[in-house]
PDB file of N, CA and C in Angstrom:
ATOM      1  N   MET A   1      -1.032  11.476   9.640  1.00  0.00           N
ATOM      2  CA  MET A   1      -1.842  10.423   9.053  1.00  0.00           C
ATOM      3  C   MET A   1      -0.962   9.217   8.554  1.00  0.00           C
ATOM      4  N   ASN A   2      -1.302   7.993   8.881  1.00  0.00           N
ATOM      5  CA  ASN A   2      -0.596   6.898   8.445  1.00  0.00           C
ATOM      6  C   ASN A   2      -0.898   6.650   7.062  1.00  0.00           C
ATOM      7  N   ASN A   3       0.127   6.599   6.229  1.00  0.00           N
ATOM      8  CA  ASN A   3      -0.101   6.501   4.737  1.00  0.00           C
ATOM      9  C   ASN A   3       0.559   5.111   4.270  1.00  0.00           C
ATOM     10  N   ASN A   4      -0.372   4.223   3.847  1.00  0.00           N
ATOM     11  CA  ASN A   4       0.177   2.927   3.429  1.00  0.00           C
ATOM     12  C   ASN A   4       0.385   3.013   1.923  1.00  0.00           C
ATOM     13  N   TYR A   5       1.710   3.332   1.541  1.00  0.00           N
ATOM     14  CA  TYR A   5       1.939   3.632   0.024  1.00  0.00           C
ATOM     15  C   TYR A   5       1.746   2.313  -0.777  1.00  0.00           C
ATOM     16  N   GLU A   6       2.108   1.173  -0.336  1.00  0.00           N
ATOM     17  CA  GLU A   6       1.914  -0.112  -1.078  1.00  0.00           C
ATOM     18  C   GLU A   6       0.427  -0.331  -1.385  1.00  0.00           C
ATOM     19  N   ILE A   7      -0.515  -0.244  -0.487  1.00  0.00           N
ATOM     20  CA  ILE A   7      -1.908  -0.466  -0.722  1.00  0.00           C
ATOM     21  C   ILE A   7      -2.458   0.638  -1.597  1.00  0.00           C
ATOM     22  N   ASN A   8      -2.185   1.811  -1.203  1.00  0.00           N
ATOM     23  CA  ASN A   8      -2.619   2.911  -2.125  1.00  0.00           C
ATOM     24  C   ASN A   8      -2.207   2.841  -3.472  1.00  0.00           C
ATOM     25  N   ALA A   9      -0.941   2.476  -3.821  1.00  0.00           N
ATOM     26  CA  ALA A   9      -0.422   2.407  -5.074  1.00  0.00           C
ATOM     27  C   ALA A   9      -1.201   1.274  -5.856  1.00  0.00           C
ATOM     28  N   LYS A  10      -1.611   0.208  -5.190  1.00  0.00           N
ATOM     29  CA  LYS A  10      -2.426  -0.775  -5.978  1.00  0.00           C
ATOM     30  C   LYS A  10      -3.778  -0.341  -6.308  1.00  0.00           C
ATOM     31  N   ILE A  11      -4.370   0.506  -5.342  1.00  0.00           N
ATOM     32  CA  ILE A  11      -5.660   1.118  -5.684  1.00  0.00           C
ATOM     33  C   ILE A  11      -5.584   2.027  -6.904  1.00  0.00           C
ATOM     34  N   PHE A  12      -4.565   2.879  -6.816  1.00  0.00           N
ATOM     35  CA  PHE A  12      -4.298   3.859  -7.861  1.00  0.00           C
ATOM     36  C   PHE A  12      -4.262   3.153  -9.221  1.00  0.00           C
ATOM     37  N   LYS A  13      -3.456   2.007  -9.212  1.00  0.00           N
ATOM     38  CA  LYS A  13      -3.320   1.226 -10.521  1.00  0.00           C
ATOM     39  C   LYS A  13      -4.701   0.785 -10.969  1.00  0.00           C
ATOM     40  N   VAL A  14      -5.477   0.235 -10.019  1.00  0.00           N
ATOM     41  CA  VAL A  14      -6.872  -0.171 -10.414  1.00  0.00           C
ATOM     42  C   VAL A  14      -7.669   1.077 -11.104  1.00  0.00           C
ATOM     43  N   LEU A  15      -7.487   2.246 -10.482  1.00  0.00           N
ATOM     44  CA  LEU A  15      -8.215   3.432 -10.981  1.00  0.00           C
ATOM     45  C   LEU A  15      -7.531   4.073 -12.273  1.00  0.00           C
ATOM     46  N   SER A  16      -6.371   3.506 -12.681  1.00  0.00           N
ATOM     47  CA  SER A  16      -5.610   4.082 -13.757  1.00  0.00           C
ATOM     48  C   SER A  16      -6.445   3.538 -15.179  1.00  0.00           C
ATOM     49  N   ASP A  17      -7.280   2.682 -14.932  1.00  0.00           N
ATOM     50  CA  ASP A  17      -8.004   2.195 -16.271  1.00  0.00           C
ATOM     51  C   ASP A  17      -9.142   3.264 -16.489  1.00  0.00           C
ATOM     52  N   PRO A  18      -9.506   3.923 -17.488  1.00  0.00           N
ATOM     53  CA  PRO A  18     -10.427   4.962 -17.720  1.00  0.00           C
ATOM     54  C   PRO A  18     -11.854   4.279 -17.498  1.00  0.00           C
ATOM     55  N   ASN A  19     -12.097   3.101 -17.926  1.00  0.00           N
ATOM     56  CA  ASN A  19     -13.365   2.487 -17.791  1.00  0.00           C
ATOM     57  C   ASN A  19     -13.737   2.305 -16.222  1.00  0.00           C
ATOM     58  N   ARG A  20     -12.753   1.879 -15.482  1.00  0.00           N
ATOM     59  CA  ARG A  20     -12.942   1.667 -13.987  1.00  0.00           C
ATOM     60  C   ARG A  20     -13.226   3.173 -13.337  1.00  0.00           C
ATOM     61  N   LEU A  21     -12.436   4.066 -13.760  1.00  0.00           N
ATOM     62  CA  LEU A  21     -12.600   5.316 -13.279  1.00  0.00           C
ATOM     63  C   LEU A  21     -13.989   5.897 -13.569  1.00  0.00           C
ATOM     64  N   LYS A  22     -14.529   5.779 -14.749  1.00  0.00           N
ATOM     65  CA  LYS A  22     -15.746   6.135 -15.181  1.00  0.00           C
ATOM     66  C   LYS A  22     -16.843   5.265 -14.310  1.00  0.00           C
ATOM     67  N   ILE A  23     -16.608   3.989 -13.993  1.00  0.00           N
ATOM     68  CA  ILE A  23     -17.612   3.450 -13.219  1.00  0.00           C
ATOM     69  C   ILE A  23     -17.606   3.956 -11.935  1.00  0.00           C
ATOM     70  N   ILE A  24     -16.405   4.331 -11.240  1.00  0.00           N
ATOM     71  CA  ILE A  24     -16.356   4.999  -9.932  1.00  0.00           C
ATOM     72  C   ILE A  24     -17.171   6.234  -9.925  1.00  0.00           C
ATOM     73  N   ASP A  25     -16.958   7.032 -10.970  1.00  0.00           N
ATOM     74  CA  ASP A  25     -17.714   8.309 -11.056  1.00  0.00           C
ATOM     75  C   ASP A  25     -19.216   8.047 -11.073  1.00  0.00           C
ATOM     76  N   MET A  26     -19.718   6.929 -11.907  1.00  0.00           N
ATOM     77  CA  MET A  26     -21.082   6.672 -11.913  1.00  0.00           C
ATOM     78  C   MET A  26     -21.558   6.246 -10.500  1.00  0.00           C
ATOM     79  N   LEU A  27     -20.784   5.386  -9.821  1.00  0.00           N
ATOM     80  CA  LEU A  27     -21.222   4.852  -8.569  1.00  0.00           C
ATOM     81  C   LEU A  27     -21.229   6.062  -7.466  1.00  0.00           C
ATOM     82  N   SER A  28     -20.492   7.095  -7.664  1.00  0.00           N
ATOM     83  CA  SER A  28     -20.435   8.238  -6.753  1.00  0.00           C
ATOM     84  C   SER A  28     -21.881   8.857  -6.670  1.00  0.00           C
ATOM     85  N   CYS A  29     -22.746   8.557  -7.508  1.00  0.00           N
ATOM     86  CA  CYS A  29     -24.125   9.082  -7.487  1.00  0.00           C
ATOM     87  C   CYS A  29     -25.022   8.173  -6.760  1.00  0.00           C
ATOM     88  N   GLY A  30     -24.535   6.952  -6.420  1.00  0.00           N
ATOM     89  CA  GLY A  30     -25.393   6.020  -5.685  1.00  0.00           C
ATOM     90  C   GLY A  30     -25.333   4.690  -6.291  1.00  0.00           C
ATOM     91  N   GLU A  31     -25.985   3.722  -5.676  1.00  0.00           N
ATOM     92  CA  GLU A  31     -26.055   2.420  -6.116  1.00  0.00           C
ATOM     93  C   GLU A  31     -26.661   2.338  -7.503  1.00  0.00           C
ATOM     94  N   ARG A  32     -25.924   1.313  -8.350  1.00  0.00           N
ATOM     95  CA  ARG A  32     -26.441   1.024  -9.774  1.00  0.00           C
ATOM     96  C   ARG A  32     -26.357  -0.393  -9.999  1.00  0.00           C
ATOM     97  N   CYS A  33     -27.383  -0.893 -10.794  1.00  0.00           N
ATOM     98  CA  CYS A  33     -27.487  -2.193 -11.144  1.00  0.00           C
ATOM     99  C   CYS A  33     -26.463  -2.404 -12.343  1.00  0.00           C
ATOM    100  N   ALA A  34     -25.936  -3.617 -12.400  1.00  0.00           N
ATOM    101  CA  ALA A  34     -24.935  -3.880 -13.610  1.00  0.00           C
ATOM    102  C   ALA A  34     -25.446  -3.538 -14.999  1.00  0.00           C
ATOM    103  N   CYS A  35     -26.672  -3.785 -15.104  1.00  0.00           N
ATOM    104  CA  CYS A  35     -27.277  -3.505 -16.451  1.00  0.00           C
ATOM    105  C   CYS A  35     -27.350  -2.047 -16.777  1.00  0.00           C
ATOM    106  N   ASP A  36     -27.458  -1.182 -15.767  1.00  0.00           N
ATOM    107  CA  ASP A  36     -27.653   0.225 -15.880  1.00  0.00           C
ATOM    108  C   ASP A  36     -26.020   0.749 -16.167  1.00  0.00           C
ATOM    109  N   ILE A  37     -25.127   0.110 -15.541  1.00  0.00           N
ATOM    110  CA  ILE A  37     -23.679   0.491 -15.724  1.00  0.00           C
ATOM    111  C   ILE A  37     -23.396   0.125 -17.224  1.00  0.00           C
ATOM    112  N   LEU A  38     -23.724  -0.996 -17.642  1.00  0.00           N
ATOM    113  CA  LEU A  38     -23.268  -1.525 -18.896  1.00  0.00           C
ATOM    114  C   LEU A  38     -23.753  -0.778 -20.058  1.00  0.00           C
ATOM    115  N   VAL A  39     -24.884  -0.100 -19.967  1.00  0.00           N
ATOM    116  CA  VAL A  39     -25.380   0.784 -21.058  1.00  0.00           C
ATOM    117  C   VAL A  39     -24.481   1.841 -21.567  1.00  0.00           C
ATOM    118  N   ASP A  40     -23.596   2.321 -20.626  1.00  0.00           N
ATOM    119  CA  ASP A  40     -22.715   3.393 -20.861  1.00  0.00           C
ATOM    120  C   ASP A  40     -21.375   3.113 -21.447  1.00  0.00           C
ATOM    121  N   PHE A  41     -21.239   1.684 -21.859  1.00  0.00           N
ATOM    122  CA  PHE A  41     -19.953   1.267 -22.335  1.00  0.00           C
ATOM    123  C   PHE A  41     -20.208   0.427 -23.515  1.00  0.00           C
ATOM    124  N   ASP A  42     -19.112   0.321 -24.385  1.00  0.00           N
ATOM    125  CA  ASP A  42     -19.118  -0.428 -25.527  1.00  0.00           C
ATOM    126  C   ASP A  42     -18.416  -1.747 -25.335  1.00  0.00           C
ATOM    127  N   PHE A  43     -18.706  -2.478 -24.214  1.00  0.00           N
ATOM    128  CA  PHE A  43     -18.029  -3.764 -23.927  1.00  0.00           C
ATOM    129  C   PHE A  43     -19.021  -4.804 -23.432  1.00  0.00           C
ATOM    130  N   THR A  44     -18.766  -5.898 -23.298  1.00  0.00           N
ATOM    131  CA  THR A  44     -19.757  -7.087 -23.011  1.00  0.00           C
ATOM    132  C   THR A  44     -19.906  -7.246 -21.507  1.00  0.00           C
ATOM    133  N   GLN A  45     -20.933  -7.949 -21.154  1.00  0.00           N
ATOM    134  CA  GLN A  45     -21.171  -8.183 -19.652  1.00  0.00           C
ATOM    135  C   GLN A  45     -20.061  -8.903 -19.017  1.00  0.00           C
ATOM    136  N   PRO A  46     -19.395  -9.888 -19.645  1.00  0.00           N
ATOM    137  CA  PRO A  46     -18.242 -10.386 -18.934  1.00  0.00           C
ATOM    138  C   PRO A  46     -17.089  -9.459 -18.766  1.00  0.00           C
ATOM    139  N   THR A  47     -16.808  -8.477 -19.686  1.00  0.00           N
ATOM    140  CA  THR A  47     -15.894  -7.409 -19.387  1.00  0.00           C
ATOM    141  C   THR A  47     -16.289  -6.548 -18.231  1.00  0.00           C
ATOM    142  N   LEU A  48     -17.490  -6.191 -18.086  1.00  0.00           N
ATOM    143  CA  LEU A  48     -18.024  -5.417 -17.044  1.00  0.00           C
ATOM    144  C   LEU A  48     -17.799  -6.157 -15.635  1.00  0.00           C
ATOM    145  N   SER A  49     -18.042  -7.642 -15.708  1.00  0.00           N
ATOM    146  CA  SER A  49     -17.849  -8.348 -14.568  1.00  0.00           C
ATOM    147  C   SER A  49     -16.400  -8.368 -14.053  1.00  0.00           C
ATOM    148  N   HIS A  50     -15.478  -8.335 -15.191  1.00  0.00           N
ATOM    149  CA  HIS A  50     -14.069  -8.311 -14.723  1.00  0.00           C
ATOM    150  C   HIS A  50     -13.763  -6.977 -14.138  1.00  0.00           C
ATOM    151  N   HIS A  51     -14.185  -5.877 -14.651  1.00  0.00           N
ATOM    152  CA  HIS A  51     -13.919  -4.662 -14.062  1.00  0.00           C
ATOM    153  C   HIS A  51     -14.497  -4.511 -12.623  1.00  0.00           C
ATOM    154  N   MET A  52     -15.719  -4.982 -12.514  1.00  0.00           N
ATOM    155  CA  MET A  52     -16.374  -4.942 -11.146  1.00  0.00           C
ATOM    156  C   MET A  52     -15.547  -5.735 -10.195  1.00  0.00           C
ATOM    157  N   LYS A  53     -15.162  -6.935 -10.585  1.00  0.00           N
ATOM    158  CA  LYS A  53     -14.246  -7.789  -9.656  1.00  0.00           C
ATOM    159  C   LYS A  53     -13.115  -7.032  -9.244  1.00  0.00           C
ATOM    160  N   VAL A  54     -12.317  -6.408 -10.196  1.00  0.00           N
ATOM    161  CA  VAL A  54     -11.073  -5.682  -9.907  1.00  0.00           C
ATOM    162  C   VAL A  54     -11.444  -4.562  -8.823  1.00  0.00           C
ATOM    163  N   LEU A  55     -12.516  -3.851  -9.080  1.00  0.00           N
ATOM    164  CA  LEU A  55     -12.940  -2.659  -8.110  1.00  0.00           C
ATOM    165  C   LEU A  55     -13.330  -3.183  -6.817  1.00  0.00           C
ATOM    166  N   MET A  56     -13.990  -4.353  -6.786  1.00  0.00           N
ATOM    167  CA  MET A  56     -14.408  -4.945  -5.417  1.00  0.00           C
ATOM    168  C   MET A  56     -13.125  -5.484  -4.676  1.00  0.00           C
ATOM    169  N   ASP A  57     -12.312  -6.134  -5.429  1.00  0.00           N
ATOM    170  CA  ASP A  57     -11.049  -6.622  -4.795  1.00  0.00           C
ATOM    171  C   ASP A  57     -10.249  -5.561  -4.149  1.00  0.00           C
ATOM    172  N   SER A  58     -10.240  -4.317  -4.797  1.00  0.00           N
ATOM    173  CA  SER A  58      -9.595  -3.073  -4.260  1.00  0.00           C
ATOM    174  C   SER A  58     -10.236  -2.677  -3.004  1.00  0.00           C
ATOM    175  N   GLY A  59     -11.593  -3.030  -2.804  1.00  0.00           N
ATOM    176  CA  GLY A  59     -12.297  -2.556  -1.624  1.00  0.00           C
ATOM    177  C   GLY A  59     -12.988  -1.226  -1.978  1.00  0.00           C
ATOM    178  N   LEU A  60     -12.996  -0.685  -3.162  1.00  0.00           N
ATOM    179  CA  LEU A  60     -13.561   0.668  -3.327  1.00  0.00           C
ATOM    180  C   LEU A  60     -15.138   0.428  -3.713  1.00  0.00           C
ATOM    181  N   VAL A  61     -15.544  -0.837  -4.036  1.00  0.00           N
ATOM    182  CA  VAL A  61     -16.925  -1.087  -4.556  1.00  0.00           C
ATOM    183  C   VAL A  61     -17.398  -2.194  -3.837  1.00  0.00           C
ATOM    184  N   ASN A  62     -18.690  -2.124  -3.433  1.00  0.00           N
ATOM    185  CA  ASN A  62     -19.484  -3.234  -2.829  1.00  0.00           C
ATOM    186  C   ASN A  62     -20.452  -3.746  -3.733  1.00  0.00           C
ATOM    187  N   CYS A  63     -20.782  -5.013  -3.509  1.00  0.00           N
ATOM    188  CA  CYS A  63     -21.825  -5.592  -4.500  1.00  0.00           C
ATOM    189  C   CYS A  63     -22.924  -6.230  -3.536  1.00  0.00           C
ATOM    190  N   ARG A  64     -24.082  -6.059  -4.015  1.00  0.00           N
ATOM    191  CA  ARG A  64     -25.327  -6.622  -3.331  1.00  0.00           C
ATOM    192  C   ARG A  64     -26.052  -7.325  -4.393  1.00  0.00           C
ATOM    193  N   LYS A  65     -26.372  -8.569  -4.057  1.00  0.00           N
ATOM    194  CA  LYS A  65     -27.207  -9.457  -5.066  1.00  0.00           C
ATOM    195  C   LYS A  65     -28.644  -9.372  -4.673  1.00  0.00           C
ATOM    196  N   ASP A  66     -29.431  -9.231  -5.525  1.00  0.00           N
ATOM    197  CA  ASP A  66     -30.898  -9.351  -5.397  1.00  0.00           C
ATOM    198  C   ASP A  66     -31.466 -10.258  -6.503  1.00  0.00           C
ATOM    199  N   GLY A  67     -31.644 -11.495  -6.214  1.00  0.00           N
ATOM    200  CA  GLY A  67     -32.187 -12.499  -7.326  1.00  0.00           C
ATOM    201  C   GLY A  67     -30.959 -12.638  -8.277  1.00  0.00           C
ATOM    202  N   LEU A  68     -31.356 -12.331  -9.521  1.00  0.00           N
ATOM    203  CA  LEU A  68     -30.326 -12.495 -10.580  1.00  0.00           C
ATOM    204  C   LEU A  68     -29.583 -11.243 -10.770  1.00  0.00           C
ATOM    205  N   TRP A  69     -29.993 -10.141 -10.084  1.00  0.00           N
ATOM    206  CA  TRP A  69     -29.314  -8.931 -10.440  1.00  0.00           C
ATOM    207  C   TRP A  69     -28.247  -8.594  -9.400  1.00  0.00           C
ATOM    208  N   SER A  70     -27.234  -7.916  -9.883  1.00  0.00           N
ATOM    209  CA  SER A  70     -26.124  -7.425  -9.039  1.00  0.00           C
ATOM    210  C   SER A  70     -26.169  -5.884  -8.920  1.00  0.00           C
ATOM    211  N   TYR A  71     -26.148  -5.287  -7.738  1.00  0.00           N
ATOM    212  CA  TYR A  71     -26.116  -3.959  -7.582  1.00  0.00           C
ATOM    213  C   TYR A  71     -24.842  -3.499  -6.928  1.00  0.00           C
ATOM    214  N   TYR A  72     -24.196  -2.606  -7.483  1.00  0.00           N
ATOM    215  CA  TYR A  72     -22.897  -2.006  -7.062  1.00  0.00           C
ATOM    216  C   TYR A  72     -22.970  -0.685  -6.451  1.00  0.00           C
ATOM    217  N   SER A  73     -22.159  -0.459  -5.318  1.00  0.00           N
ATOM    218  CA  SER A  73     -22.145   0.892  -4.757  1.00  0.00           C
ATOM    219  C   SER A  73     -20.685   1.082  -4.385  1.00  0.00           C
ATOM    220  N   LEU A  74     -20.355   2.355  -4.212  1.00  0.00           N
ATOM    221  CA  LEU A  74     -19.110   2.845  -3.752  1.00  0.00           C
ATOM    222  C   LEU A  74     -19.111   2.718  -2.319  1.00  0.00           C
ATOM    223  N   ASP A  75     -17.865   2.142  -1.869  1.00  0.00           N
ATOM    224  CA  ASP A  75     -17.595   2.112  -0.379  1.00  0.00           C
ATOM    225  C   ASP A  75     -17.041   3.550   0.046  1.00  0.00           C
ATOM    226  N   ASN A  76     -17.898   4.327   0.372  1.00  0.00           N
ATOM    227  CA  ASN A  76     -17.449   5.791   0.753  1.00  0.00           C
ATOM    228  C   ASN A  76     -16.367   5.881   1.751  1.00  0.00           C
ATOM    229  N   THR A  77     -16.442   5.083   2.782  1.00  0.00           N
ATOM    230  CA  THR A  77     -15.378   5.018   3.740  1.00  0.00           C
ATOM    231  C   THR A  77     -13.977   4.805   3.151  1.00  0.00           C
ATOM    232  N   LYS A  78     -13.987   3.819   2.355  1.00  0.00           N
ATOM    233  CA  LYS A  78     -12.616   3.520   1.714  1.00  0.00           C
ATOM    234  C   LYS A  78     -12.207   4.539   0.725  1.00  0.00           C
ATOM    235  N   ALA A  79     -13.157   4.964  -0.023  1.00  0.00           N
ATOM    236  CA  ALA A  79     -12.915   6.095  -0.950  1.00  0.00           C
ATOM    237  C   ALA A  79     -12.512   7.369  -0.312  1.00  0.00           C
ATOM    238  N   ASN A  80     -13.115   7.735   0.899  1.00  0.00           N
ATOM    239  CA  ASN A  80     -12.700   9.076   1.745  1.00  0.00           C
ATOM    240  C   ASN A  80     -11.241   8.741   2.196  1.00  0.00           C
ATOM    241  N   LYS A  81     -11.012   7.552   2.578  1.00  0.00           N
ATOM    242  CA  LYS A  81      -9.522   7.410   3.194  1.00  0.00           C
ATOM    243  C   LYS A  81      -8.611   7.420   2.047  1.00  0.00           C
ATOM    244  N   LEU A  82      -8.867   7.044   0.898  1.00  0.00           N
ATOM    245  CA  LEU A  82      -7.997   7.081  -0.220  1.00  0.00           C
ATOM    246  C   LEU A  82      -7.732   8.618  -0.524  1.00  0.00           C
ATOM    247  N   VAL A  83      -8.848   9.419  -0.539  1.00  0.00           N
ATOM    248  CA  VAL A  83      -8.813  10.821  -0.896  1.00  0.00           C
ATOM    249  C   VAL A  83      -7.962  11.429   0.021  1.00  0.00           C
ATOM    250  N   LEU A  84      -8.153  11.272   1.403  1.00  0.00           N
ATOM    251  CA  LEU A  84      -7.374  11.854   2.437  1.00  0.00           C
ATOM    252  C   LEU A  84      -5.918  11.555   2.432  1.00  0.00           C
ATOM    253  N   SER A  85      -5.656  10.216   2.075  1.00  0.00           N
ATOM    254  CA  SER A  85      -4.205   9.793   1.930  1.00  0.00           C
ATOM    255  C   SER A  85      -3.554  10.446   0.885  1.00  0.00           C
ATOM    256  N   LEU A  86      -4.190  10.746  -0.222  1.00  0.00           N
ATOM    257  CA  LEU A  86      -3.656  11.415  -1.465  1.00  0.00           C
ATOM    258  C   LEU A  86      -3.335  12.986  -1.064  1.00  0.00           C
ATOM    259  N   MET A  87      -4.392  13.491  -0.357  1.00  0.00           N
ATOM    260  CA  MET A  87      -4.200  14.868   0.086  1.00  0.00           C
ATOM    261  C   MET A  87      -2.921  15.021   1.055  1.00  0.00           C
ATOM    262  N   ASN A  88      -2.778  14.042   1.842  1.00  0.00           N
ATOM    263  CA  ASN A  88      -1.671  13.953   2.703  1.00  0.00           C
ATOM    264  C   ASN A  88      -0.329  13.922   2.099  1.00  0.00           C
ATOM    265  N   VAL A  89      -0.284  13.259   0.885  1.00  0.00           N
ATOM    266  CA  VAL A  89       0.827  13.098   0.065  1.00  0.00           C
ATOM    267  C   VAL A  89       1.272  14.483  -0.485  1.00  0.00           C
ATOM    268  N   PHE A  90       0.242  15.197  -1.038  1.00  0.00           N
ATOM    269  CA  PHE A  90       0.494  16.412  -1.596  1.00  0.00           C
ATOM    270  C   PHE A  90       0.539  17.657  -0.667  1.00  0.00           C
ATOM    271  N   THR A  91       0.384  17.464   0.524  1.00  0.00           N
ATOM    272  CA  THR A  91       0.263  18.535   1.529  1.00  0.00           C
ATOM    273  C   THR A  91       1.323  18.414   2.662  1.00  0.00           C
ATOM    274  N   ASP A  92       2.032  19.563   2.924  1.00  0.00           N
ATOM    275  CA  ASP A  92       2.913  19.600   4.010  1.00  0.00           C
ATOM    276  C   ASP A  92       2.172  19.641   5.268  1.00  0.00           C
ATOM    277  N   THR A  93       2.195  18.504   6.074  1.00  0.00           N
ATOM    278  CA  THR A  93       1.460  18.558   7.324  1.00  0.00           C
ATOM    279  C   THR A  93       2.394  18.146   8.522  1.00  0.00           C
ATOM    280  N   GLU A  94       2.046  18.196   9.632  1.00  0.00           N
ATOM    281  CA  GLU A  94       2.799  17.987  10.843  1.00  0.00           C
ATOM    282  C   GLU A  94       3.358  16.487  10.912  1.00  0.00           C
ATOM    283  N   ASP A  95       2.561  15.612  10.365  1.00  0.00           N
ATOM    284  CA  ASP A  95       3.046  14.167  10.306  1.00  0.00           C
ATOM    285  C   ASP A  95       3.646  13.844   8.904  1.00  0.00           C
ATOM    286  N   CYS A  96       4.058  14.846   8.129  1.00  0.00           N
ATOM    287  CA  CYS A  96       4.561  14.517   6.872  1.00  0.00           C
ATOM    288  C   CYS A  96       5.864  13.712   6.926  1.00  0.00           C
ATOM    289  N   ILE A  97       6.004  12.932   5.836  1.00  0.00           N
ATOM    290  CA  ILE A  97       7.221  12.159   5.826  1.00  0.00           C
ATOM    291  C   ILE A  97       8.658  12.872   5.831  1.00  0.00           C
ATOM    292  N   CYS A  98       8.458  14.103   5.167  1.00  0.00           N
ATOM    293  CA  CYS A  98       9.679  14.978   5.093  1.00  0.00           C
ATOM    294  C   CYS A  98      10.022  15.525   6.448  1.00  0.00           C
ATOM    295  N   ARG A  99       9.141  15.673   7.340  1.00  0.00           N
ATOM    296  CA  ARG A  99       9.399  15.990   8.687  1.00  0.00           C
ATOM    297  C   ARG A  99       9.979  15.054   9.595  1.00  0.00           C
ATOM    298  N   ASN A 100       9.403  13.866   9.327  1.00  0.00           N
ATOM    299  CA  ASN A 100       9.889  12.778  10.162  1.00  0.00           C
ATOM    300  C   ASN A 100      10.939  11.704   9.564  1.00  0.00           C
ATOM    301  N   SER A 101      11.610  12.224   8.536  1.00  0.00           N
ATOM    302  CA  SER A 101      12.635  11.293   7.924  1.00  0.00           C
ATOM    303  C   SER A 101      13.845  11.006   8.847  1.00  0.00           C
ATOM    304  N   LYS A 102      14.256   9.886   8.952  1.00  0.00           N
ATOM    305  CA  LYS A 102      15.342   9.637   9.857  1.00  0.00           C
ATOM    306  C   LYS A 102      16.670   9.803   9.199  1.00  0.00           C
ATOM    307  N   ASP A 103      16.722   9.909   7.899  1.00  0.00           N
ATOM    308  CA  ASP A 103      17.992  10.052   7.240  1.00  0.00           C
ATOM    309  C   ASP A 103      17.989  11.302   6.644  1.00  0.00           C
ATOM    310  N   LYS A 104      17.997  12.455   7.233  1.00  0.00           N
ATOM    311  CA  LYS A 104      18.014  13.834   6.647  1.00  0.00           C
ATOM    312  C   LYS A 104      19.473  14.099   6.255  1.00  0.00           C
ATOM    313  N   CYS A 105      19.581  14.698   5.129  1.00  0.00           N
ATOM    314  CA  CYS A 105      20.986  15.091   4.698  1.00  0.00           C
ATOM    315  C   CYS A 105      21.341  16.450   5.316  1.00  0.00           C
ATOM    316  N   ASP A 106      22.594  16.754   5.079  1.00  0.00           N
ATOM    317  CA  ASP A 106      23.198  17.974   5.738  1.00  0.00           C
ATOM    318  C   ASP A 106      23.256  19.062   4.755  1.00  0.00           C
ATOM    319  N   CYS A 107      22.633  18.882   3.541  1.00  0.00           N
ATOM    320  CA  CYS A 107      22.871  19.943   2.378  1.00  0.00           C
ATOM    321  C   CYS A 107      22.230  21.242   2.712  1.00  0.00           C
ATOM    322  N   ASN A 108      21.337  21.410   3.476  1.00  0.00           N
ATOM    323  CA  ASN A 108      20.738  22.649   3.889  1.00  0.00           C
ATOM    324  C   ASN A 108      21.386  23.261   4.950  1.00  0.00           C
ATOM    325  N   SER A 109      22.259  22.777   5.671  1.00  0.00           N
ATOM    326  CA  SER A 109      22.861  23.274   6.922  1.00  0.00           C
ATOM    327  C   SER A 109      24.160  24.008   6.528  1.00  0.00           C
ATOM    328  N   LYS A 110      24.637  24.021   5.246  1.00  0.00           N
ATOM    329  CA  LYS A 110      25.880  24.709   4.961  1.00  0.00           C
ATOM    330  C   LYS A 110      25.601  26.125   4.496  1.00  0.00           C
TER     331      LYS A 110
END
């Protein structure tokens, strides 16, 4: 599996904020209106907008406008790719970087 460490690190940085991680958890149950998300937090609507923009910029969250309302949903394809990528990092697989490293040392051959 091709693992893009730079992109994934940026996404993990986005998810390192507990509020954004909680929002992702909420969206894992399905699409939610911004007002429904906001009731579970002790911050203002502009702060929620900031968090949602960061999540949308990462590609993990989609936004759908309906009149004055914004509805957010998890991009399941992107989320699943991220999970698979993380599993690949923690698992010894055929295409693991440790097997394909060009600069292997000789420490184990002695």
